[in-house]
Each structure stands twice: as structure tokens, then as C-alpha cells.
Amino acid sequence: MKKKLHLVSLGCTKNLIDSEVMLGRLKEYDITDDAATADVLIVNTCGFIDAAKEESLDTIFELHAKRKKESLLVVSGCLTQRYKEELQKELKEVDLFTGVGDYDKIDKIIKERHSRFSSETYLITTQERIVTGSKAHAYIKLSEGCNQNCSFCAIPGFKGKLKSRSLKDIVSEIKNLTNQGFFDFTFVSQDSSSYLRDFDEKEGLVNLINEVEKINKVKSARILYLYPTTTSDKLIQKIIDSKIFHNYFEMPIQHISDKMLKIMKRGAGAQRIKEQLYKMRNAQDSFLRTSIIVGHPGETDEDFMELKQFLEEFSFDRVTLFSYSDEEDTKAYEMKDKIPKTIINKRVEELNKIVEKKTLQSLKKRVGKDIKVITTGQSSEGEFFFGARELIWAPEIDGEILINESNVKLESDKVYIAHINEIVGDKLLATVKKLA
């Protein structure tokens, strides 16, 4: 009888890709959702901010409490890479540790029962991985590491400098996936708009778009994380002109006050950021997502009000708010003028009201329209609805559409034309009319 594997992937989609690589290396195991029956349990951790670290530790303790005798608990990822000495000393519940450099060696680590930390971050190649969650959509990793110097971010410290995949390697992976039936792709990295800059190519994403458009079986694509200083007007226009890439723009601006952008070492000032955002917003059927850090050291009431006013004025479709997390090994950690947690919480609460209003406005624009949706199976609301997302949306993060009526028999991972009837809570309610 085959042994069983239970894997939990925490944090970002880049982590998910690495988890899928591990699944590809452990195909001799049967995957199980029941941790109590697993022979091997793996937690691929996130170590970005306090909340993510707490979730990772809680998951480790939870799985340890559930696991059967003589099972193997393995912990990998950013948290273990960042705190490898401390965790190996303190976490006696864990049998094996590995960081961010050995995902493709997980089978060897388990076989030899020996923890391993390579000096370099693992960068996926075209080797086989088991894509999870969909038979139509896959994430594609562009690079690892980051050359930016943001004051609040510890990632370059444990993931290193930018290391881009070759364009040839990415194209080969996409072709392999399209031959398996995948047609919808999301491109991810720590800093996507810097892709290939470590090879002295300033317009790496433009080159990528050109190559992906030549692959006939790719029907839909989007790019996550555009950094203001490395996102050129040429790149924005290339996305707008593309027949394959949606006018989907995710640019985490983090703030809009010039003073705060300088303190946060973001490179671009408010004027340049606004120029980029309005160019994106004016593109036909565009979708804009950003993230904001609230309460960074030095953020005055005036800085906050400037940010609040901008969020009220500009029409983002989605905004993710982060309370500032004081992370060691960052420039912000050493800064004075720390903002009290009570003030940060109050500011987040104020901005969240604006974000909820903007999200609702974005959803209302779709009511009464026919749009392309991709089905995802049973909805989060249960068996009475079929789940879907608008094709332009990124999976998981942009929302869910509930389908309660259809003129055709619905299947998962298919693209349909749906009529949006109304909003129910924070979800759109739709009727499917036909296959797209």
C-alpha cells in the first residue's frame, strides 16, 4: 500500500509553486487531506510578517497534535530559512527542516532523514510539478529574490538578489502545461517588472509577452506585482495592446505621500505613481489592484490623510491593507518615530471603510453585463451554487461569482458567457448563457 502525504502550503502563490514542485518529487505518495492518516506531513511556511509567522507556527503545532506515531513532520520555506538556527533548536515537534533552496530535493531529504539548507534560493525549471486547484489555470514563476531596498521588507535578506529564469525555460514550461490542457496563466515573482534585469534586459516582461502570444493554446494571462520604478510606459502599453494578457494591473504602491515613499525607499514619487495608475485605469476594461502599508515609522496624521484622500479619489478595484509589521533585519526596524498599535488599528479601520466602498463600486459596474467567467466547481456557499471568477480576475484574491442558473450543463474549468444579475453580500450572482 502506498504511503500517504499531507502538505500545507502557506503564504503567497510563489510558495504554492514551490509546494507543487515538492508534490512532483513525491509522486509515489498518495495525497491525503486527513493529517491524522499521513505518513509524511509537510508545512511550506511563510515568514514575511508577524501574522504569517504566527500562522506558520500554529499550523506546525496543529499538525503535530494530529499526526500518527512514527509519521514524519517536515517544515520548509521562508520561515525556516529566515530563522533556521532558532527553529531547529526550539521546535522539537519537527523531524526535518529545510529552507527555500531544496524543494527539488525533498524526496532525498525525506529518504535520508537529514535536514538541509542550501546557500541559494531554489528557482524552478521546467521539471514536472503537480499543479493544484485547477485543470485550466497555473501560476508561472518568473524569478526569485529582489533587488529593491524597501525599508519594511526582509525578503532580500533570506531570498537574495534577483535571479530570473530564462525566457526559453518559461516558454518551455508553458508549452508543457498547455499540452496538459492548461490555458489560463498568472505570472508571479517578488518583483515581476524587474524580470531579466539581472541579465541587463530592461524590458524583460515585454519580451515575455511577445513570446507567450506566440503560444496558440494560451487563451488568458495576467501579471502580478509591478514595481513602480521598473514599470515602464512601454510595458503598460504592451499589456494594453496584448490580445492574450488582460488589462490587469497589480501595482502595490504602499503609500502616496512623497515623504513616506522616500522613507520607505520605494524609489518612485507620487507624481510618477499617479501617472502610471491613471494610464492603467484609462485602459479599456482595466482591473487595478494595489496594497497599502499603514503605520510605517514616520507616518504622520498629514501623511495618512493624504493617503486616505487618494484612496477616496482613485478607483482601485481591489486594495489589500497591511498594518505595519516591525521586522528585524529591515531598515524600518531601526527607525524611530514608531506608530502606536492603537493608532495603526484606527487608521486601518478608516481605510477599510473606503476599500469596502471601492470594491462594491467595482462589483456594481458588472451588474447587468455579460462577462466571461471561468468556473471553479462548487461554490464557497455550498452545493446550491456553482463557483466562478471573472476571467480577468486573479484566482482566490479577487472574489467569487455565484452561478445559480445556466442554459447549459456546467463543468469546472470552462469559460462561459455569464449575465451578472445582482450583488449578494460581497459576491456577484450570475446566470450562465453559453460557452465562450
Protein backbone atom coordinates (compact mmCIF):
# COMPACT_ATOMS: atom_id res chain seq x y z
CA MET A 1 0.00 0.00 0.00
CA LYS A 2 1.32 3.44 -0.94
CA LYS A 3 2.30 5.82 1.82
CA LYS A 4 0.26 8.97 2.35
CA LEU A 5 1.36 12.61 2.18
CA HIS A 6 -0.33 15.66 3.72
CA LEU A 7 1.03 19.04 2.54
CA VAL A 8 0.03 22.52 3.69
CA SER A 9 1.23 25.47 1.61
CA LEU A 10 1.07 28.82 3.40
CA GLY A 11 1.62 32.38 2.22
CA CYS A 12 1.91 33.54 -1.36
CA THR A 13 1.39 31.88 -4.74
CA LYS A 14 5.17 31.71 -5.18
CA ASN A 15 5.18 29.37 -2.19
CA LEU A 16 2.40 27.38 -3.81
CA ILE A 17 4.53 26.79 -6.91
CA ASP A 18 7.37 25.50 -4.72
CA SER A 19 4.89 23.23 -2.94
CA GLU A 20 3.75 21.90 -6.32
CA VAL A 21 7.39 21.13 -7.15
CA MET A 22 7.60 19.07 -3.93
CA LEU A 23 4.43 17.21 -4.89
CA GLY A 24 6.03 16.43 -8.24
CA ARG A 25 9.06 14.95 -6.45
CA LEU A 26 6.87 12.86 -4.14
CA LYS A 27 4.53 11.23 -6.65
CA GLU A 28 5.00 7.84 -5.02
CA TYR A 29 2.81 9.10 -2.15
CA ASP A 30 -0.98 9.31 -2.16
CA ILE A 31 -2.14 12.81 -1.25
CA THR A 32 -4.49 12.96 1.73
CA ASP A 33 -6.49 15.78 3.30
CA ASP A 34 -6.53 13.91 6.61
CA ALA A 35 -3.36 14.77 8.53
CA ALA A 36 -4.03 12.00 11.04
CA THR A 37 -3.55 9.29 8.39
CA ALA A 38 -0.45 10.75 6.72
CA ASP A 39 2.95 9.09 6.86
CA VAL A 40 4.66 12.35 5.86
CA LEU A 41 3.39 15.84 6.71
CA ILE A 42 4.94 18.94 5.12
CA VAL A 43 4.34 22.58 6.03
CA ASN A 44 5.72 25.05 3.49
CA THR A 45 5.89 28.15 5.65
CA CYS A 46 5.69 31.91 5.16
CA GLY A 47 7.93 34.24 7.18
CA PHE A 48 7.11 37.64 5.71
CA ILE A 49 5.32 39.42 8.57
CA ASP A 50 4.20 38.64 12.13
CA ALA A 51 0.75 37.35 11.16
CA ALA A 52 2.24 34.95 8.60
CA LYS A 53 4.83 33.70 11.08
CA GLU A 54 2.14 33.04 13.67
CA GLU A 55 0.03 31.15 11.13
CA SER A 56 3.02 29.00 10.19
CA LEU A 57 3.82 28.11 13.80
CA ASP A 58 0.17 27.44 14.63
CA THR A 59 -0.07 25.08 11.64
CA ILE A 60 3.04 23.19 12.72
CA PHE A 61 1.71 22.68 16.25
CA GLU A 62 -1.73 21.72 14.95
CA LEU A 63 -0.35 19.04 12.62
CA HIS A 64 1.96 17.71 15.31
CA ALA A 65 -1.04 17.26 17.61
CA LYS A 66 -2.95 15.35 14.92
CA ARG A 67 -0.25 13.17 13.41
CA LYS A 68 0.09 9.48 13.99
CA LYS A 69 3.00 7.77 15.70
CA GLU A 70 6.12 7.30 13.55
CA SER A 71 4.96 9.81 10.93
CA LEU A 72 7.43 12.40 9.66
CA LEU A 73 6.82 16.14 10.12
CA VAL A 74 8.82 18.26 7.66
CA VAL A 75 8.93 22.06 7.69
CA SER A 76 10.23 24.07 4.73
CA GLY A 77 10.06 27.58 3.32
CA CYS A 78 10.67 31.18 4.22
CA LEU A 79 10.16 30.95 7.99
CA THR A 80 12.67 28.14 8.40
CA GLN A 81 15.15 29.85 6.08
CA ARG A 82 14.89 33.11 7.99
CA TYR A 83 15.09 31.59 11.50
CA LYS A 84 16.82 28.28 10.83
CA GLU A 85 19.07 28.22 13.90
CA GLU A 86 16.36 29.28 16.34
CA LEU A 87 13.67 26.95 14.98
CA GLN A 88 15.89 23.88 14.80
CA LYS A 89 16.78 24.49 18.42
CA GLU A 90 13.28 25.25 19.70
CA LEU A 91 10.85 23.21 17.57
CA LYS A 92 11.33 19.71 18.90
CA GLU A 93 7.99 18.75 17.32
CA VAL A 94 9.59 18.89 13.85
CA ASP A 95 11.58 15.97 12.45
CA LEU A 96 13.17 17.61 9.41
CA PHE A 97 13.91 21.19 8.39
CA THR A 98 14.69 22.70 5.02
CA GLY A 99 14.56 26.25 3.69
CA VAL A 100 13.98 27.83 0.28
CA GLY A 101 16.79 26.15 -1.64
CA ASP A 102 15.92 22.47 -1.77
CA TYR A 103 12.34 21.99 -2.93
CA ASP A 104 13.57 19.78 -5.77
CA LYS A 105 15.47 17.61 -3.27
CA ILE A 106 12.59 16.99 -0.86
CA ASP A 107 12.45 13.30 -1.79
CA LYS A 108 16.13 12.92 -0.91
CA ILE A 109 15.71 14.85 2.36
CA ILE A 110 12.88 12.53 3.43
CA LYS A 111 14.69 9.37 2.33
CA GLU A 112 17.92 10.29 4.12
CA ARG A 113 16.11 11.77 7.16
CA HIS A 114 18.53 14.69 7.17
CA SER A 115 17.70 18.43 7.35
CA ARG A 116 19.17 20.54 4.57
CA PHE A 117 19.68 24.25 3.86
CA SER A 118 21.28 25.16 0.55
CA SER A 119 23.01 28.51 0.22
CA GLU A 120 20.97 29.63 -2.81
CA THR A 121 17.22 30.02 -3.27
CA TYR A 122 15.67 27.35 -5.50
CA LEU A 123 14.46 28.64 -8.86
CA ILE A 124 12.00 26.39 -10.64
CA THR A 125 12.92 24.89 -14.01
CA THR A 126 10.71 23.06 -16.47
CA GLN A 127 10.82 19.89 -14.38
CA GLU A 128 7.44 18.37 -13.63
CA ARG A 129 5.31 19.78 -10.86
CA ILE A 130 1.78 18.81 -9.85
CA VAL A 131 -0.44 21.84 -10.40
CA THR A 132 -3.16 22.02 -7.77
CA GLY A 133 -6.60 23.59 -7.60
CA SER A 134 -7.40 23.74 -11.30
CA LYS A 135 -7.04 21.92 -14.61
CA ALA A 136 -7.19 25.19 -16.55
CA HIS A 137 -5.12 27.71 -14.57
CA ALA A 138 -1.47 27.59 -13.48
CA TYR A 139 0.91 30.04 -11.86
CA ILE A 140 4.25 30.67 -13.56
CA LYS A 141 7.20 31.89 -11.51
CA LEU A 142 9.37 34.46 -13.30
CA SER A 143 12.18 34.91 -10.81
CA GLU A 144 13.31 34.67 -7.20
CA GLY A 145 14.81 37.28 -4.91
CA CYS A 146 14.61 41.06 -5.22
CA ASN A 147 16.96 43.97 -5.93
CA GLN A 148 14.73 46.59 -4.31
CA ASN A 149 15.59 48.15 -0.94
CA CYS A 150 12.17 48.74 0.61
CA SER A 151 12.62 49.73 4.24
CA PHE A 152 9.96 47.36 5.59
CA CYS A 153 10.83 44.17 3.69
CA ALA A 154 13.08 41.34 4.91
CA ILE A 155 12.75 39.18 1.77
CA PRO A 156 16.07 40.15 0.11
CA GLY A 157 17.81 39.16 3.33
CA PHE A 158 16.81 35.49 3.12
CA LYS A 159 15.91 35.11 -0.57
CA GLY A 160 18.82 37.06 -2.01
CA LYS A 161 19.14 39.27 -5.04
CA LEU A 162 17.05 38.98 -8.21
CA LYS A 163 17.55 35.73 -10.08
CA SER A 164 15.46 35.48 -13.25
CA ARG A 165 14.52 32.33 -15.12
CA SER A 166 15.49 32.24 -18.76
CA LEU A 167 12.74 33.15 -21.19
CA LYS A 168 13.36 29.87 -23.01
CA ASP A 169 12.75 27.91 -19.81
CA ILE A 170 9.50 29.73 -19.06
CA VAL A 171 8.20 29.22 -22.60
CA SER A 172 9.05 25.52 -22.36
CA GLU A 173 7.11 25.19 -19.10
CA ILE A 174 4.07 26.96 -20.53
CA LYS A 175 4.09 24.72 -23.61
CA ASN A 176 4.28 21.64 -21.38
CA LEU A 177 1.31 22.89 -19.37
CA THR A 178 -0.79 23.81 -22.42
CA ASN A 179 -0.24 20.29 -23.73
CA GLN A 180 -1.86 19.09 -20.48
CA GLY A 181 -4.89 21.32 -21.07
CA PHE A 182 -3.96 24.50 -19.15
CA PHE A 183 -4.84 27.74 -20.93
CA ASP A 184 -5.01 30.45 -18.23
CA PHE A 185 -1.77 31.67 -16.61
CA THR A 186 -0.76 34.07 -13.85
CA PHE A 187 2.86 35.24 -13.79
CA VAL A 188 4.35 35.89 -10.34
CA SER A 189 7.57 36.87 -8.55
CA GLN A 190 8.74 39.21 -5.82
CA ASP A 191 9.23 41.97 -8.43
CA SER A 192 7.83 40.97 -11.81
CA SER A 193 8.63 44.20 -13.64
CA SER A 194 12.35 43.65 -12.92
CA TYR A 195 12.29 40.34 -14.79
CA LEU A 196 15.60 39.80 -16.69
CA ARG A 197 17.20 42.99 -15.32
CA ASP A 198 19.88 40.75 -13.81
CA PHE A 199 20.71 39.95 -17.46
CA ASP A 200 20.82 43.67 -18.39
CA GLU A 201 17.43 43.47 -20.13
CA LYS A 202 15.21 46.37 -19.01
CA GLU A 203 12.07 45.23 -20.84
CA GLY A 204 12.02 41.57 -19.88
CA LEU A 205 8.24 41.49 -19.48
CA VAL A 206 7.74 42.98 -22.93
CA ASN A 207 9.85 40.15 -24.34
CA LEU A 208 7.88 37.65 -22.27
CA ILE A 209 4.55 38.92 -23.57
CA ASN A 210 5.83 38.69 -27.15
CA GLU A 211 6.83 35.05 -26.68
CA VAL A 212 3.70 33.98 -24.78
CA GLU A 213 1.50 35.47 -27.52
CA LYS A 214 3.10 33.03 -29.97
CA ILE A 215 1.81 30.01 -27.99
CA ASN A 216 -1.54 29.31 -29.61
CA LYS A 217 -3.04 27.36 -26.71
CA VAL A 218 -2.64 30.23 -24.23
CA LYS A 219 -6.02 31.97 -24.08
CA SER A 220 -5.72 34.15 -20.99
CA ALA A 221 -2.89 35.65 -18.88
CA ARG A 222 -2.14 38.28 -16.25
CA ILE A 223 0.94 39.54 -14.39
CA LEU A 224 1.09 40.10 -10.63
CA TYR A 225 3.34 42.61 -8.87
CA LEU A 226 4.54 45.53 -10.95
CA TYR A 227 7.03 47.71 -9.09
CA PRO A 228 6.68 51.45 -9.82
CA THR A 229 10.34 52.18 -10.61
CA THR A 230 10.72 49.27 -13.06
CA THR A 231 7.31 49.53 -14.76
CA SER A 232 7.86 51.49 -17.94
CA ASP A 233 5.25 53.20 -20.09
CA LYS A 234 6.30 50.78 -22.82
CA LEU A 235 5.36 47.82 -20.61
CA ILE A 236 2.00 49.30 -19.65
CA GLN A 237 1.19 49.93 -23.30
CA LYS A 238 2.33 46.43 -24.28
CA ILE A 239 -0.12 44.92 -21.79
CA ILE A 240 -2.89 47.20 -23.08
CA ASP A 241 -2.17 46.19 -26.69
CA SER A 242 -1.94 42.45 -25.98
CA LYS A 243 -4.69 40.12 -27.20
CA ILE A 244 -3.74 37.48 -24.58
CA PHE A 245 -2.77 39.43 -21.48
CA HIS A 246 -5.68 41.08 -19.69
CA ASN A 247 -5.58 44.73 -18.73
CA TYR A 248 -4.94 43.50 -15.21
CA PHE A 249 -2.58 45.72 -13.25
CA GLU A 250 -1.38 44.87 -9.77
CA MET A 251 0.94 47.58 -8.51
CA PRO A 252 1.50 47.67 -4.74
CA ILE A 253 2.07 51.38 -4.18
CA GLN A 254 2.32 51.05 -0.33
CA HIS A 255 1.74 54.81 0.13
CA ILE A 256 1.17 58.02 -1.83
CA SER A 257 2.83 60.64 0.37
CA ASP A 258 6.16 61.70 -1.17
CA LYS A 259 7.71 61.89 2.27
CA MET A 260 6.60 58.36 3.16
CA LEU A 261 7.61 56.93 -0.22
CA LYS A 262 11.09 58.32 0.40
CA ILE A 263 11.24 56.94 3.95
CA MET A 264 10.02 53.56 2.67
CA LYS A 265 12.73 53.68 -0.03
CA ARG A 266 10.27 52.98 -2.82
CA GLY A 267 12.19 54.88 -5.50
CA ALA A 268 9.28 56.43 -7.39
CA GLY A 269 7.49 59.53 -6.14
CA ALA A 270 3.77 60.23 -6.01
CA GLN A 271 3.62 62.01 -9.37
CA ARG A 272 5.15 59.07 -11.27
CA ILE A 273 2.93 56.56 -9.47
CA LYS A 274 -0.19 58.55 -10.31
CA GLU A 275 0.88 58.83 -13.97
CA GLN A 276 1.18 55.05 -14.14
CA LEU A 277 -2.09 54.37 -12.33
CA TYR A 278 -4.15 56.73 -14.48
CA LYS A 279 -2.67 55.25 -17.66
CA MET A 280 -3.67 51.80 -16.42
CA ARG A 281 -7.10 52.98 -15.28
CA ASN A 282 -7.86 54.55 -18.64
CA ALA A 283 -7.21 51.28 -20.49
CA GLN A 284 -10.35 49.56 -21.76
CA ASP A 285 -11.92 47.16 -19.23
CA SER A 286 -8.92 47.51 -16.91
CA PHE A 287 -8.72 45.99 -13.45
CA LEU A 288 -6.45 47.57 -10.83
CA ARG A 289 -5.25 46.05 -7.58
CA THR A 290 -2.83 47.54 -5.04
CA SER A 291 -1.62 47.10 -1.48
CA ILE A 292 -1.03 49.71 1.22
CA ILE A 293 1.09 49.63 4.38
CA VAL A 294 -0.47 51.59 7.23
CA GLY A 295 1.53 52.91 10.18
CA HIS A 296 5.09 52.69 8.86
CA PRO A 297 7.51 54.58 11.16
CA GLY A 298 7.32 58.30 10.46
CA GLU A 299 3.75 58.28 9.11
CA THR A 300 2.17 61.48 10.47
CA ASP A 301 -1.50 62.37 10.56
CA GLU A 302 -0.88 64.56 7.48
CA ASP A 303 0.70 61.64 5.58
CA PHE A 304 -2.21 59.40 6.50
CA MET A 305 -4.80 61.98 5.42
CA GLU A 306 -3.04 62.35 2.06
CA LEU A 307 -3.20 58.57 1.60
CA LYS A 308 -6.84 58.46 2.71
CA GLN A 309 -7.81 61.22 0.29
CA PHE A 310 -6.11 59.47 -2.61
CA LEU A 311 -7.89 56.19 -1.90
CA GLU A 312 -11.19 58.07 -1.84
CA GLU A 313 -10.44 59.77 -5.16
CA PHE A 314 -8.89 56.95 -7.19
CA SER A 315 -10.91 53.97 -8.37
CA PHE A 316 -8.99 50.86 -7.40
CA ASP A 317 -10.90 47.61 -7.94
CA ARG A 318 -9.21 45.84 -5.04
CA VAL A 319 -6.96 47.05 -2.22
CA THR A 320 -5.15 44.96 0.38
CA LEU A 321 -4.33 46.78 3.62
CA PHE A 322 -1.38 45.76 5.79
CA SER A 323 -0.72 47.03 9.27
CA TYR A 324 2.98 47.81 9.55
CA SER A 325 4.88 44.82 10.95
CA ASP A 326 8.16 45.65 12.73
CA GLU A 327 10.53 43.09 11.20
CA GLU A 328 14.11 42.60 12.34
CA ASP A 329 16.75 42.78 9.60
CA THR A 330 14.92 45.65 7.89
CA LYS A 331 15.79 49.34 7.72
CA ALA A 332 12.44 50.29 9.27
CA TYR A 333 13.19 48.16 12.33
CA GLU A 334 15.95 50.61 13.30
CA MET A 335 13.85 53.72 12.64
CA LYS A 336 12.49 55.96 15.33
CA ASP A 337 9.02 57.54 15.26
CA LYS A 338 7.25 54.16 15.60
CA ILE A 339 3.46 54.47 15.44
CA PRO A 340 1.49 53.04 18.39
CA LYS A 341 -0.57 49.95 17.55
CA THR A 342 -3.79 51.66 18.65
CA ILE A 343 -3.26 54.42 16.09
CA ILE A 344 -2.37 51.93 13.35
CA ASN A 345 -5.54 49.95 14.04
CA LYS A 346 -7.65 53.11 13.92
CA ARG A 347 -6.11 54.14 10.60
CA VAL A 348 -6.64 50.68 9.12
CA GLU A 349 -10.27 50.79 10.22
CA GLU A 350 -10.78 54.14 8.49
CA LEU A 351 -9.18 52.97 5.25
CA ASN A 352 -11.02 49.67 5.30
CA LYS A 353 -14.35 51.52 5.03
CA ILE A 354 -13.09 53.21 1.88
CA VAL A 355 -11.74 49.95 0.46
CA GLU A 356 -15.05 48.16 1.02
CA LYS A 357 -16.89 51.00 -0.73
CA LYS A 358 -14.50 50.91 -3.70
CA THR A 359 -14.78 47.14 -4.01
CA LEU A 360 -18.57 47.39 -4.03
CA GLN A 361 -18.43 50.11 -6.70
CA SER A 362 -16.22 47.86 -8.82
CA LEU A 363 -18.66 44.96 -8.47
CA LYS A 364 -21.67 47.16 -9.26
CA LYS A 365 -20.11 48.08 -12.62
CA ARG A 366 -20.54 44.46 -13.68
CA VAL A 367 -24.24 44.15 -12.79
CA GLY A 368 -26.38 43.91 -15.90
CA LYS A 369 -23.44 42.97 -18.14
CA ASP A 370 -22.43 39.81 -19.96
CA ILE A 371 -18.87 38.83 -18.98
CA LYS A 372 -16.51 35.90 -19.43
CA VAL A 373 -16.22 33.70 -16.35
CA ILE A 374 -14.19 30.60 -15.62
CA THR A 375 -15.90 28.00 -13.45
CA THR A 376 -14.19 26.66 -10.32
CA GLY A 377 -16.59 23.96 -9.10
CA GLN A 378 -18.87 24.00 -6.08
CA SER A 379 -19.04 27.47 -4.57
CA SER A 380 -17.95 28.55 -1.11
CA GLU A 381 -21.68 28.94 -0.35
CA GLY A 382 -22.32 25.23 -0.85
CA GLU A 383 -23.90 22.91 -3.40
CA PHE A 384 -26.73 25.25 -4.40
CA PHE A 385 -24.34 27.46 -6.38
CA PHE A 386 -21.61 26.79 -8.91
CA GLY A 387 -18.50 28.88 -8.23
CA ALA A 388 -16.70 31.02 -10.81
CA ARG A 389 -14.50 34.07 -11.20
CA GLU A 390 -14.39 36.67 -13.92
CA LEU A 391 -11.73 35.59 -16.40
CA ILE A 392 -9.73 38.79 -15.94
CA TRP A 393 -9.56 38.26 -12.16
CA ALA A 394 -6.65 36.52 -10.47
CA PRO A 395 -7.63 33.28 -8.69
CA GLU A 396 -8.50 33.37 -5.00
CA ILE A 397 -7.80 37.04 -4.30
CA ASP A 398 -10.29 39.00 -6.41
CA GLY A 399 -13.57 37.38 -5.45
CA GLU A 400 -16.12 34.74 -6.36
CA ILE A 401 -19.14 34.73 -8.65
CA LEU A 402 -22.11 32.58 -7.70
CA ILE A 403 -23.95 30.89 -10.56
CA ASN A 404 -27.50 29.81 -9.71
CA GLU A 405 -28.89 29.32 -13.20
CA SER A 406 -27.48 28.07 -16.50
CA ASN A 407 -28.71 27.49 -20.03
CA VAL A 408 -26.06 24.77 -20.48
CA LYS A 409 -24.66 21.91 -18.38
CA LEU A 410 -21.81 23.37 -16.32
CA GLU A 411 -18.36 21.85 -15.99
CA SER A 412 -15.42 23.02 -13.90
CA ASP A 413 -12.50 24.86 -15.52
CA LYS A 414 -14.51 26.02 -18.54
CA VAL A 415 -15.03 29.55 -19.83
CA TYR A 416 -18.63 30.72 -20.22
CA ILE A 417 -20.53 33.88 -21.02
CA ALA A 418 -22.48 34.83 -17.90
CA HIS A 419 -25.01 37.57 -17.24
CA ILE A 420 -24.49 39.32 -13.92
CA ASN A 421 -27.87 39.76 -12.24
CA GLU A 422 -27.13 41.29 -8.84
CA ILE A 423 -24.80 41.54 -5.86
CA VAL A 424 -25.39 39.29 -2.85
CA GLY A 425 -23.22 40.42 0.05
CA ASP A 426 -19.75 40.75 -1.47
CA LYS A 427 -20.40 38.35 -4.36
CA LEU A 428 -21.91 38.65 -7.81
CA LEU A 429 -24.87 36.43 -8.73
CA ALA A 430 -24.95 35.26 -12.35
CA THR A 431 -26.75 33.20 -14.98
CA VAL A 432 -24.59 31.32 -17.48
CA LYS A 433 -25.82 31.81 -21.05
CA LYS A 434 -23.39 29.75 -23.16
CA LEU A 435 -19.84 28.53 -23.62
CA ALA A 436 -17.47 31.33 -24.56
